[in-house]
Amino acid sequence: MPLETLENVKLSLAIATDDDTDDGLLTQLQKAADGYIETRCGRSFRGGSFTEFHPGGGSLVFLKNWPIATIALLRVDESGEYGDDTELDASQYRVHAERGVIECLDYSFVPRLPGYDPGPNAFPRAVKVTYTTATDAVPEPIARASVELIGHWYRQAKTYAATSQRNVIQDGGTIYPWGQSVGFKIPEAVRAMLEPFRVPAM
């Protein structure tokens, strides 16, 4: 499922929805734009089921995708077996769904020995979480960023097609607003829209 429908992309680019001339190009650009956005933000906006592994030395787990719809499984096992007996009871943790954080109500997910504090990143992959996010909840700024990026690349493609792929600023009486040396930069407006949705560096 794309971040925005092809129909809405065409409406935003002032392309008649019944004109399918460039549908192949737009669909290709749509996939590229959505991939860029999710890579840039470090998370998926299209929803679904995810399984992640996190360190067990601290009391907080920061999931890559949010808001959380359900926690299907949360197991803590230093050995990496994750058997049924390693399932954490729901009374032992709190879910901050809107931010994608799971908080252990004890001192840490993996119990610490008295006087031994290995740090929050200790016991890597000790926590296994399977969870879901909604499949129909793409934030409006993300959908808009996808459209803006598709439009940016679409205009470049049409410009290069019109100049037979020549790197020119002016062709006869037509002046083009970019050359290949600057035309491929991601617009700052797109970066600004994505910034609030990026996964924080840990």
Protein backbone atom coordinates (compact mmCIF):
# COMPACT_ATOMS: atom_id res chain seq x y z
CA MET A 1 0.00 0.00 0.00
CA PRO A 2 1.56 3.35 -1.03
CA LEU A 3 1.71 6.32 1.34
CA GLU A 4 -0.67 8.19 -0.97
CA THR A 5 -3.01 7.00 -3.69
CA LEU A 6 -2.07 7.44 -7.34
CA GLU A 7 -5.32 9.39 -7.82
CA ASN A 8 -4.35 11.92 -5.15
CA VAL A 9 -0.84 12.18 -6.56
CA LYS A 10 -2.26 13.04 -9.98
CA LEU A 11 -4.70 15.55 -8.50
CA SER A 12 -1.85 17.28 -6.69
CA LEU A 13 0.20 17.43 -9.89
CA ALA A 14 -2.77 18.77 -11.89
CA ILE A 15 -2.87 15.63 -14.03
CA ALA A 16 -6.32 14.48 -15.12
CA THR A 17 -7.18 11.31 -13.21
CA ASP A 18 -8.42 9.68 -16.42
CA ASP A 19 -5.12 10.42 -18.21
CA ASP A 20 -3.02 7.28 -17.77
CA THR A 21 -0.16 8.38 -20.07
CA ASP A 22 2.36 8.67 -17.25
CA ASP A 23 0.89 6.17 -14.80
CA GLY A 24 3.88 3.82 -15.18
CA LEU A 25 6.36 6.62 -14.46
CA LEU A 26 4.32 7.97 -11.54
CA THR A 27 4.00 4.51 -9.99
CA GLN A 28 7.76 3.98 -10.24
CA LEU A 29 8.43 7.38 -8.67
CA GLN A 30 5.85 6.64 -5.99
CA LYS A 31 7.70 3.49 -4.92
CA ALA A 32 11.01 5.35 -4.87
CA ALA A 33 9.58 8.27 -2.86
CA ASP A 34 7.93 5.99 -0.30
CA GLY A 35 11.15 4.01 0.06
CA TYR A 36 13.17 7.18 0.58
CA ILE A 37 10.75 8.49 3.21
CA GLU A 38 10.70 5.30 5.24
CA THR A 39 14.49 4.95 5.02
CA ARG A 40 15.00 8.58 6.00
CA CYS A 41 12.64 8.28 8.96
CA GLY A 42 13.80 4.80 9.96
CA ARG A 43 10.26 3.49 10.31
CA SER A 44 7.24 2.21 8.38
CA PHE A 45 4.12 4.34 8.00
CA ARG A 46 2.03 1.78 6.13
CA GLY A 47 1.21 -0.32 9.18
CA GLY A 48 1.18 -4.05 9.75
CA SER A 49 2.87 -6.56 12.05
CA PHE A 50 6.50 -6.18 13.14
CA THR A 51 8.95 -8.23 15.20
CA GLU A 52 11.93 -6.53 16.78
CA PHE A 53 14.73 -7.45 19.18
CA HIS A 54 16.06 -5.04 21.81
CA PRO A 55 18.61 -4.96 24.65
CA GLY A 56 17.27 -5.99 28.04
CA GLY A 57 19.55 -4.01 30.34
CA GLY A 58 17.24 -1.02 30.72
CA SER A 59 13.62 -0.36 31.57
CA LEU A 60 12.60 1.17 28.22
CA VAL A 61 12.24 -0.30 24.73
CA PHE A 62 11.83 2.14 21.84
CA LEU A 63 10.00 0.48 18.95
CA LYS A 64 10.70 1.60 15.40
CA ASN A 65 7.05 2.05 14.42
CA TRP A 66 4.23 3.85 16.16
CA PRO A 67 1.53 4.47 17.27
CA ILE A 68 1.20 0.91 18.59
CA ALA A 69 -2.12 -0.82 18.03
CA THR A 70 -1.45 -4.09 19.87
CA ILE A 71 1.37 -5.96 21.58
CA ALA A 72 1.07 -9.54 20.36
CA LEU A 73 4.15 -10.93 22.12
CA LEU A 74 6.75 -9.64 24.56
CA ARG A 75 9.36 -12.16 25.74
CA VAL A 76 12.59 -11.66 27.65
CA ASP A 77 15.30 -14.30 27.31
CA GLU A 78 19.07 -13.74 27.46
CA SER A 79 19.64 -17.08 25.70
CA GLY A 80 17.57 -16.10 22.66
CA GLU A 81 15.21 -19.09 22.84
CA TYR A 82 12.09 -17.06 23.69
CA GLY A 83 10.03 -20.01 24.89
CA ASP A 84 6.50 -19.67 26.22
CA ASP A 85 7.82 -19.40 29.78
CA THR A 86 9.71 -16.19 28.90
CA GLU A 87 6.52 -14.24 28.11
CA LEU A 88 6.23 -11.07 30.18
CA ASP A 89 2.86 -10.62 31.85
CA ALA A 90 1.02 -7.45 30.84
CA SER A 91 1.05 -6.32 34.48
CA GLN A 92 4.86 -6.10 34.32
CA TYR A 93 5.07 -3.38 31.69
CA ARG A 94 3.34 -0.25 30.44
CA VAL A 95 2.80 0.65 26.77
CA HIS A 96 3.11 4.26 25.65
CA ALA A 97 1.31 3.61 22.38
CA GLU A 98 1.51 7.06 20.80
CA ARG A 99 5.29 7.15 21.05
CA GLY A 100 6.06 3.45 20.57
CA VAL A 101 7.65 2.94 23.97
CA ILE A 102 7.35 -0.10 26.24
CA GLU A 103 8.27 0.59 29.86
CA CYS A 104 9.24 -2.24 32.18
CA LEU A 105 7.75 -1.60 35.62
CA ASP A 106 10.67 -3.35 37.27
CA TYR A 107 14.22 -1.93 37.29
CA SER A 108 15.05 -3.53 33.94
CA PHE A 109 13.76 -6.20 31.57
CA VAL A 110 16.62 -8.53 32.52
CA PRO A 111 16.95 -8.63 36.34
CA ARG A 112 20.19 -7.10 37.59
CA LEU A 113 22.36 -8.56 40.31
CA PRO A 114 22.84 -6.39 43.44
CA GLY A 115 25.67 -3.93 42.86
CA TYR A 116 25.89 -4.78 39.14
CA ASP A 117 24.68 -2.19 36.65
CA PRO A 118 25.68 -3.23 33.09
CA GLY A 119 23.82 -0.36 31.41
CA PRO A 120 20.64 -0.15 29.31
CA ASN A 121 22.23 -1.60 26.17
CA ALA A 122 23.41 -4.78 27.92
CA PHE A 123 21.93 -8.19 27.10
CA PRO A 124 21.46 -7.47 23.36
CA ARG A 125 18.46 -9.11 21.73
CA ALA A 126 17.16 -10.26 25.11
CA VAL A 127 13.77 -8.63 24.46
CA LYS A 128 11.61 -9.90 21.61
CA VAL A 129 8.54 -7.85 20.72
CA THR A 130 5.88 -8.58 18.12
CA TYR A 131 3.39 -5.76 17.68
CA THR A 132 1.04 -4.15 15.17
CA THR A 133 0.34 -0.65 13.93
CA ALA A 134 -2.73 0.57 12.06
CA THR A 135 -2.69 0.09 8.29
CA ASP A 136 -4.81 3.14 7.48
CA ALA A 137 -3.16 5.86 9.53
CA VAL A 138 -0.51 7.55 7.34
CA PRO A 139 0.09 11.01 8.86
CA GLU A 140 -0.96 13.82 6.54
CA PRO A 141 2.52 15.45 6.45
CA ILE A 142 4.01 12.11 5.39
CA ALA A 143 1.48 11.67 2.57
CA ARG A 144 2.15 15.26 1.50
CA ALA A 145 5.92 14.73 1.58
CA SER A 146 5.49 11.72 -0.68
CA VAL A 147 3.48 13.77 -3.18
CA GLU A 148 6.02 16.63 -3.11
CA LEU A 149 8.91 14.26 -3.75
CA ILE A 150 7.08 12.46 -6.55
CA GLY A 151 6.29 15.83 -8.13
CA HIS A 152 9.91 16.95 -7.84
CA TRP A 153 11.21 13.85 -9.60
CA TYR A 154 8.36 13.87 -12.12
CA ARG A 155 9.18 17.41 -13.23
CA GLN A 156 12.82 16.44 -13.60
CA ALA A 157 11.93 13.43 -15.71
CA LYS A 158 9.66 15.49 -17.97
CA THR A 159 12.32 18.19 -18.31
CA TYR A 160 15.02 15.70 -19.28
CA ALA A 161 12.65 14.02 -21.70
CA ALA A 162 11.93 17.40 -23.31
CA THR A 163 15.66 18.07 -23.74
CA SER A 164 16.45 14.56 -25.00
CA GLN A 165 18.38 13.86 -21.77
CA ARG A 166 20.83 16.69 -22.43
CA ASN A 167 22.19 18.58 -19.42
CA VAL A 168 21.15 22.10 -20.35
CA ILE A 169 19.85 25.19 -18.63
CA GLN A 170 18.54 26.80 -21.80
CA ASP A 171 17.33 25.19 -25.03
CA GLY A 172 16.44 27.72 -27.69
CA GLY A 173 13.84 30.03 -26.20
CA THR A 174 13.08 27.71 -23.28
CA ILE A 175 14.92 28.24 -19.99
CA TYR A 176 14.93 25.27 -17.60
CA PRO A 177 15.17 25.82 -13.83
CA TRP A 178 17.81 23.19 -13.17
CA GLY A 179 20.65 21.18 -14.59
CA GLN A 180 21.84 17.75 -13.55
CA SER A 181 24.36 19.30 -11.17
CA VAL A 182 21.61 20.55 -8.83
CA GLY A 183 18.37 18.96 -9.98
CA PHE A 184 18.57 15.76 -7.94
CA LYS A 185 18.69 17.34 -4.48
CA ILE A 186 15.82 16.48 -2.14
CA PRO A 187 13.73 19.63 -1.59
CA GLU A 188 14.21 21.20 1.84
CA ALA A 189 10.43 21.34 2.28
CA VAL A 190 10.30 17.54 2.09
CA ARG A 191 13.10 17.18 4.64
CA ALA A 192 11.32 19.60 6.98
CA MET A 193 8.07 17.63 6.79
CA LEU A 194 9.88 14.37 7.57
CA GLU A 195 12.01 15.63 10.47
CA PRO A 196 9.37 15.33 13.26
CA PHE A 197 8.69 11.71 12.25
CA ARG A 198 12.26 10.41 12.30
CA VAL A 199 13.25 7.74 14.80
CA PRO A 200 15.58 9.41 17.35
CA ALA A 201 19.21 8.30 17.25
CA MET A 202 19.85 6.06 20.23
